[in-house]
Amino acid sequence: MARHGDCKHFIPDTANMAASEGMCMEMADEDGMPAIVNVFEDIKGCEKYDEATRIKTDTSEFTWDKDVRAVRGFEEK
């Protein structure tokens, strides 16, 4: 099952690295604002899904990096 958090277009909530929500930069509303999505939600065949080649789960460094997925359920790739 592909999840929003596995996609390289997903950016987690940087204020709370353990939050289960973030933004999908490819799913925008009519004003161009990115959609707020759940990191674990199944993307259900999204045409813009592009699997991230690197997901970092160590939050002791690089907390600014958009590839950090501190929430449980993700493993270092």
Protein backbone atom coordinates (compact mmCIF):
# COMPACT_ATOMS: atom_id res chain seq x y z
CA MET A 1 0.00 0.00 0.00
CA ALA A 2 1.45 3.36 -1.04
CA ARG A 3 0.95 6.14 1.50
CA HIS A 4 1.22 9.91 1.26
CA GLY A 5 4.30 9.70 3.46
CA ASP A 6 6.05 7.48 0.90
CA CYS A 7 5.70 10.11 -1.85
CA LYS A 8 8.40 12.67 -2.56
CA HIS A 9 5.73 15.37 -3.00
CA PHE A 10 4.70 15.04 0.66
CA ILE A 11 6.12 17.55 3.16
CA PRO A 12 5.50 16.76 6.84
CA ASP A 13 4.37 19.31 9.38
CA THR A 14 7.70 20.86 10.38
CA ALA A 15 6.38 22.38 13.60
CA ASN A 16 5.75 18.89 14.99
CA MET A 17 7.91 16.19 13.39
CA ALA A 18 5.75 13.47 14.96
CA ALA A 19 2.51 14.88 13.53
CA SER A 20 0.48 12.60 11.32
CA GLU A 21 -0.36 15.39 8.87
CA GLY A 22 1.50 17.30 6.23
CA MET A 23 1.10 18.88 2.81
CA CYS A 24 0.89 17.30 -0.61
CA MET A 25 2.56 19.75 -2.95
CA GLU A 26 0.89 18.18 -6.01
CA MET A 27 -2.69 18.30 -4.71
CA ALA A 28 -3.67 21.97 -4.64
CA ASP A 29 -6.97 23.77 -4.30
CA GLU A 30 -8.25 26.49 -6.63
CA ASP A 31 -6.07 29.09 -4.85
CA GLY A 32 -2.93 27.01 -5.33
CA MET A 33 -2.63 26.07 -1.65
CA PRO A 34 -1.34 22.53 -1.04
CA ALA A 35 -3.75 19.99 0.40
CA ILE A 36 -3.41 18.89 4.03
CA VAL A 37 -3.19 15.09 4.05
CA ASN A 38 -2.59 12.29 6.53
CA VAL A 39 0.85 10.71 6.27
CA PHE A 40 -0.59 7.17 6.55
CA GLU A 41 -3.51 7.64 4.15
CA ASP A 42 -3.57 5.36 1.10
CA ILE A 43 -3.14 7.44 -2.04
CA LYS A 44 -5.53 5.22 -4.01
CA GLY A 45 -3.80 5.35 -7.38
CA CYS A 46 -2.72 9.00 -7.45
CA GLU A 47 -1.31 9.77 -10.90
CA LYS A 48 1.25 12.17 -9.42
CA TYR A 49 2.62 9.67 -6.87
CA ASP A 50 6.40 9.40 -7.05
CA GLU A 51 8.02 7.17 -4.44
CA ALA A 52 10.68 8.86 -2.34
CA THR A 53 14.10 7.31 -2.77
CA ARG A 54 15.19 8.37 0.70
CA ILE A 55 13.19 8.62 3.90
CA LYS A 56 15.07 9.56 7.05
CA THR A 57 13.68 8.52 10.42
CA ASP A 58 16.51 9.70 12.70
CA THR A 59 15.30 13.00 14.12
CA SER A 60 18.50 13.75 16.03
CA GLU A 61 19.86 15.42 12.88
CA PHE A 62 18.42 17.15 9.84
CA THR A 63 15.01 17.98 11.30
CA TRP A 64 14.73 20.68 8.62
CA ASP A 65 14.88 18.08 5.85
CA LYS A 66 11.55 17.41 4.11
CA ASP A 67 12.46 13.70 3.83
CA VAL A 68 12.31 13.14 7.61
CA ARG A 69 9.37 10.95 8.66
CA ALA A 70 9.48 10.80 12.44
CA VAL A 71 6.04 9.27 12.84
CA ARG A 72 5.84 5.59 13.70
CA GLY A 73 5.34 3.29 10.76
CA PHE A 74 8.21 4.49 8.58
CA GLU A 75 11.62 2.89 8.36
CA GLU A 76 14.86 4.39 7.12
CA LYS A 77 15.30 3.89 3.37
